[in-house]
Every structure is written in C-alpha cells, then in structure tokens.
C-alpha cells in the first residue's frame, strides 16, 4: 500500500477544499493506504491533522505520494514540490485574483497575488499529475505550462451525502416557510462572489415583480473583509431591502439543508469560481438555478439551469420571476439539476474519476 500525505495551508469547517480533502482521505483509507492530512492551521480535533513542517519525516521514499491542495499562495507548499523526492500530485482549486479583494484587504490581496504568481511555477514544477477541480482550472494550468499528458479533471468531493442523511433544522423551516418567495445564495461573503449584483438583481425582482420575497445569503464572512460586508449592508439599505435580505453567517449542516429546502430558486452572480460546490448542492436538492455565467460556473451547470453571459441584474430578475411564476419551468430545471448531479457529481462518481486519475500511484 502507498504512503500518502495530503497537504493544504489550512482546514476549516464548511469549506469546499477541506471537504474535498476529507473525501480523498476517506477513499484512500478505505483502500488500505496509509494517509495523513497535513496543514499549517486547523480549527478542530477530529480527524487528526498533522503539522505541515513534519511532512518531510513522513514522506521518505520515492514511492511515497504527496497530494498538494493548491488554492492560495504558500511558499511552504511550493518549496515542498521542489524539494521532496517522492511522487507529487497538485490538486488545483483555483486562486482568487487579487483585484477582487485589494480595495478591501491588502493582506488578503497579497496572499491572492502570491497564489497567482506561483501558478506558473507550480505548473512547471515537474509534478507527476495535475488534478484540477474543473476544466476551467485545467485550462489555467495548461496555459501556464502544465503538460496535457499529466493533467486530468476530477470534481471535488463534497458533503451532500451528509446533508441527505440528516434532518433539516426545524427552526429554519418554521421561520422561512411563511408564504414568501425565498431566493437563496450560498457561499463565502467575499468580493469575488459578486454580492452587489446579486442584491441589485434581487432588488429588481422584489420591487418590480414580487414584494413578498426575500433574499437569503448563507455563508461565513471574514474579519479582514469587514469593509466589504459593510458595503453590502449599505447597499441593502440604499435599495430599501432591510426587511427582505437576510445574512445568516456560517450555519450548521442541518440549517443549510433547511435553507435549500425552503428555497424557491438559487441565484448566483459570482465573478470568479474554480468549481462552485453550492451549485451542485442546489442540483442535488432540486432547487432551480439562475446564474451569471462567469469562470467555471457554465461548466459546472452545463445546461441544468438558466445561465447568462450578460451581467444584467434586470435579466436575472426576469429569470427568477419566470422560474417562480411558472411551476413547469421550476420543476423541469429542478429535475435537470438532479439528473446532472446524479450523472456527474455524486461522491461515488467522483470517487471513480479520482481513482482513475490516481491509479498510477496506488
């Protein structure tokens, strides 16, 4: 069996990269491989996480395997790719371009800039495999010099099986099943997620089509992005939506399931995504999707939702109205989303793709 280290800068709750790491670790352990997860920082006790600086004492043989989850600038990770004598896989989740965050956090922007600057260095680091979470990510790596013969696309593992296996939070169900139309967005409260256009599109829908509606923005924010968060609340006030937009912050799995359960439509206006797991969650929960088609979003949805290339809040508002008003459209989109999830994005499907890509190492 192979000795494997899975490496990432940090591991947190309700995080797509962390869920992907846990999914990989589970698959590899079930096959009998010796695996450890290494990180610089983490926020829980189980599963056991090992300190990143100790990885060199674990990966000693040329037959050992490093899987580096790359999603931001990290000199330590780049240096390991150069120095370790074992086999190496880069798992690319994409890096947020710094221009999205520079006006809100210089520190965050610096980390993003370092991540983008390291992209060509990692692409040309001579790794044994470049495993991207989407075709969009793979195209970035190929442009920077990664060899096509050593590249593959494998969607990220996720926690939808866990969502399907738990009860929805009754308090959330009772609070938001009140006759109002619920427009849902799930994701970090971060500038690349395009919340201003989301709020503007909802304002057009709320004021011009359906005043008996609310926007539910589910996702955690970051202290260093407080200026961005303040801007969003000011926009909500300026558009007279104080009673109709809810920022939930980070929520439990049972609450997340409840928010998908009460949602009439999922709307996303993100300007940069490397994959976008919440889209897959919406598909699995049969919530119809309306989206601005930036970055990896069209590839993830692939016809299973209403996706527009134009950044037009009024077009998005009209789309939401069509979905809400016409039950046949809503039903068809929900079924199309579920079919796409079942055919491409279940953890079993992802497991098969992951093992096919990594078979040469196992």
Foldseek 3Di string as FASTA:
>chain_A
DAEEEEEEAEAEPPDQLNLLVVLVVVLCVVVPYHYAYEYCYYDDPPPHYHHPVCVCVRQDDQLHEYEYEAAWADVSVLVCLQPGNHAYEYEYFYYDALVLCCVQFVVNSVGSVNSVVCLLVVLPSPHQAYEYQFVLRVVSSVVSHHDPVRYDYFHGRDCLVVLVPDAADPVLLVVQPPPAAEEEEEDELGRQQPVLLVLVLVLCLCPPPNVRYAYEYEEAYDPSRVVSVVVNVVSCVVSVNPVGYDYDHYDDSNNVSSSLVSHQAYETEGQDGSADCVLLSNLQSLHAYDYADHRCVCVNCVPLHHYHVDSDSNVSSVRSNCSNVDVVNSNSSSPSSPVSCVVDPDSVNSSVSVCVSCVVSD
